[in-house]
Protein backbone atom coordinates (compact mmCIF):
# COMPACT_ATOMS: atom_id res chain seq x y z
CA MET A 1 88.94 -4.39 -60.63
CA ILE A 2 85.23 -4.59 -61.45
CA THR A 3 84.23 -3.28 -64.87
CA VAL A 4 80.91 -3.10 -66.71
CA ILE A 5 80.58 -4.12 -70.35
CA ASP A 6 77.78 -4.46 -72.87
CA TYR A 7 76.29 -7.93 -73.31
CA THR A 8 77.37 -10.09 -76.23
CA ASP A 9 76.03 -13.55 -77.06
CA LYS A 10 79.18 -15.30 -75.85
CA TYR A 11 78.06 -14.43 -72.31
CA GLN A 12 74.56 -15.97 -72.62
CA PRO A 13 75.45 -19.03 -70.47
CA ASP A 14 76.72 -16.72 -67.69
CA PHE A 15 73.66 -14.48 -67.98
CA LYS A 16 71.41 -17.51 -67.65
CA ARG A 17 73.40 -19.07 -64.80
CA LEU A 18 73.45 -15.93 -62.65
CA ASN A 19 69.75 -15.25 -63.06
CA LEU A 20 68.63 -18.85 -62.57
CA GLU A 21 70.59 -18.93 -59.31
CA TRP A 22 68.28 -16.42 -57.64
CA LEU A 23 65.13 -17.35 -59.55
CA ASP A 24 65.44 -21.00 -58.54
CA LYS A 25 66.44 -20.12 -54.96
CA TYR A 26 63.13 -18.33 -54.47
CA ASP A 27 61.11 -20.72 -56.68
CA LEU A 28 60.29 -17.90 -59.12
CA THR A 29 61.46 -19.32 -62.47
CA GLU A 30 58.77 -19.03 -65.15
CA SER A 31 58.57 -19.65 -68.89
CA HIS A 32 58.88 -15.90 -69.56
CA ASP A 33 62.16 -15.88 -67.62
CA LEU A 34 63.46 -18.77 -69.68
CA GLU A 35 62.57 -17.01 -72.95
CA ILE A 36 64.72 -14.06 -71.89
CA LEU A 37 67.53 -16.17 -70.43
CA ASN A 38 67.74 -18.43 -73.47
CA ASP A 39 67.76 -15.55 -75.99
CA PRO A 40 68.72 -12.22 -74.41
CA SER A 41 69.64 -10.71 -77.77
CA GLY A 42 66.32 -11.61 -79.37
CA THR A 43 64.08 -10.75 -76.43
CA VAL A 44 65.77 -7.67 -74.93
CA ILE A 45 68.37 -6.16 -77.25
CA ALA A 46 66.62 -6.60 -80.63
CA GLY A 47 63.63 -4.63 -79.33
CA GLY A 48 65.74 -1.61 -78.42
CA GLY A 49 66.90 -2.63 -74.96
CA CYS A 50 70.31 -3.37 -73.53
CA ILE A 51 72.06 -5.61 -71.03
CA PHE A 52 75.07 -4.78 -68.91
CA LEU A 53 77.48 -7.28 -67.41
CA ALA A 54 79.66 -6.69 -64.37
CA MET A 55 83.04 -8.33 -64.85
CA ASP A 56 85.83 -9.32 -62.50
CA GLY A 57 88.57 -9.83 -65.05
CA ASN A 58 87.10 -12.38 -67.48
CA LYS A 59 84.44 -13.60 -65.05
CA VAL A 60 80.83 -12.41 -65.35
CA ILE A 61 79.70 -11.57 -61.81
CA GLY A 62 76.53 -9.55 -62.42
CA THR A 63 73.84 -8.66 -64.93
CA ALA A 64 71.15 -6.03 -65.42
CA GLY A 65 69.18 -4.92 -68.41
CA LEU A 66 66.62 -2.55 -69.84
CA TRP A 67 63.74 -3.88 -71.92
CA LYS A 68 62.01 -1.28 -74.08
CA ALA A 69 58.31 -1.20 -73.17
CA ASN A 70 57.54 1.78 -75.44
CA GLU A 71 59.15 5.04 -76.58
CA LYS A 72 58.96 6.58 -73.09
CA GLU A 73 59.28 3.60 -70.74
CA TYR A 74 61.84 0.91 -70.08
CA GLU A 75 61.62 -2.04 -67.74
CA LEU A 76 64.55 -2.97 -65.53
CA VAL A 77 65.13 -6.69 -66.10
CA LYS A 78 67.34 -9.53 -64.91
CA MET A 79 69.43 -7.93 -62.24
CA ALA A 80 71.64 -10.59 -60.68
CA VAL A 81 74.91 -10.72 -58.78
CA ASP A 82 77.04 -13.78 -58.11
CA PRO A 83 76.54 -14.77 -54.45
CA ALA A 84 80.31 -14.57 -53.82
CA TYR A 85 80.26 -10.88 -54.84
CA ARG A 86 77.18 -9.66 -53.02
CA GLY A 87 77.57 -6.78 -50.61
CA GLN A 88 80.28 -5.12 -52.71
CA GLY A 89 78.14 -2.55 -54.52
CA ILE A 90 77.82 -4.50 -57.78
CA SER A 91 74.03 -4.08 -57.88
CA LYS A 92 74.40 -0.33 -57.35
CA LEU A 93 76.96 -0.14 -60.15
CA LEU A 94 74.69 -2.05 -62.54
CA LEU A 95 71.59 -0.08 -61.56
CA GLN A 96 73.45 3.19 -62.10
CA CYS A 97 74.50 2.02 -65.58
CA CYS A 98 70.86 1.23 -66.36
CA LEU A 99 69.70 4.62 -65.07
CA ASN A 100 72.34 6.44 -67.10
CA GLU A 101 71.42 4.52 -70.23
CA ALA A 102 67.69 5.08 -69.74
CA LYS A 103 68.33 8.83 -69.45
CA ARG A 104 70.55 8.72 -72.53
CA LEU A 105 67.69 6.99 -74.38
CA ARG A 106 65.39 9.82 -73.20
CA ALA A 107 63.16 7.43 -71.28
CA GLU A 108 60.72 9.20 -69.00
CA LYS A 109 60.05 6.29 -66.71
CA LEU A 110 61.66 3.08 -65.52
CA LEU A 111 59.48 0.30 -64.22
CA LEU A 112 60.18 -3.08 -62.73
CA PHE A 113 58.35 -6.16 -61.58
CA SER A 114 59.61 -8.11 -58.61
CA ASN A 115 58.58 -10.38 -55.79
CA SER A 116 58.11 -9.49 -52.13
CA GLN A 117 60.59 -12.21 -51.12
CA LEU A 118 63.45 -10.20 -52.65
CA LYS A 119 63.94 -7.83 -49.71
CA ALA A 120 67.49 -6.70 -50.55
CA ALA A 121 66.55 -5.86 -54.15
CA LEU A 122 63.42 -3.96 -53.11
CA SER A 123 65.43 -1.99 -50.56
CA LEU A 124 67.95 -1.03 -53.26
CA TYR A 125 65.18 0.14 -55.60
CA GLU A 126 63.61 2.20 -52.80
CA LYS A 127 66.96 3.91 -52.13
CA TYR A 128 67.13 4.92 -55.81
CA GLY A 129 63.68 6.49 -55.67
CA PHE A 130 61.50 3.76 -57.14
CA ARG A 131 57.94 3.97 -55.80
CA TYR A 132 55.46 1.14 -55.35
CA VAL A 133 52.48 1.18 -57.71
CA GLU A 134 49.58 -1.18 -58.31
CA VAL A 135 50.67 -4.43 -59.94
CA ALA A 136 49.14 -4.40 -63.42
CA ASP A 137 50.17 -5.97 -66.71
CA ALA A 138 52.82 -8.12 -65.02
CA PRO A 139 54.63 -10.42 -67.44
CA PHE A 140 55.31 -12.82 -64.56
CA LEU A 141 52.78 -14.80 -62.53
CA THR A 142 55.00 -14.49 -59.45
CA ALA A 143 55.33 -10.69 -59.72
CA ASP A 144 53.54 -9.30 -56.67
CA VAL A 145 55.47 -6.01 -56.70
CA LYS A 146 55.61 -3.27 -59.31
CA MET A 147 57.73 -0.16 -58.92
CA GLU A 148 58.26 2.93 -61.05
CA LEU A 149 60.81 5.71 -61.21
CA SER A 150 60.22 8.98 -63.04
CA LEU A 151 63.51 9.96 -64.66
CA PHE A 152 62.56 13.54 -65.49
CA PRO A 153 60.12 14.56 -62.75
CA SER A 154 58.40 17.87 -63.22
CA ILE A 155 59.58 20.65 -60.96
């Protein structure tokens, strides 16, 4: 059975491994990625964010996090799923956890930076209502996509 838990430092090697797998595959790894992967607690959690881990028993099979940009906005960061577990809804499970947490934190908007090579990820974000916006203030040189999702749209 797949469960989702909160990140603790004992899982840092798994967090790094899963994210480097896709970053390296698409030649997207940057120094900013390594800062996050080497110190998730210091870079994401200490600033008011969170990281979720998908688990199959004791094995970490997926990651996703929220980095606090400001009081009203969070950035979706470091979503990864072990290649052996792809296509089983793990990304959806992790994304839903992030959406629920962002709403609990009273965030008004979720944003994310990505790369146009990541077709499956972009398709998932589109299905959840993320909309493409102009790429500005990207923390990554390879980020050629920016998407946003209003969590409490006006009626």
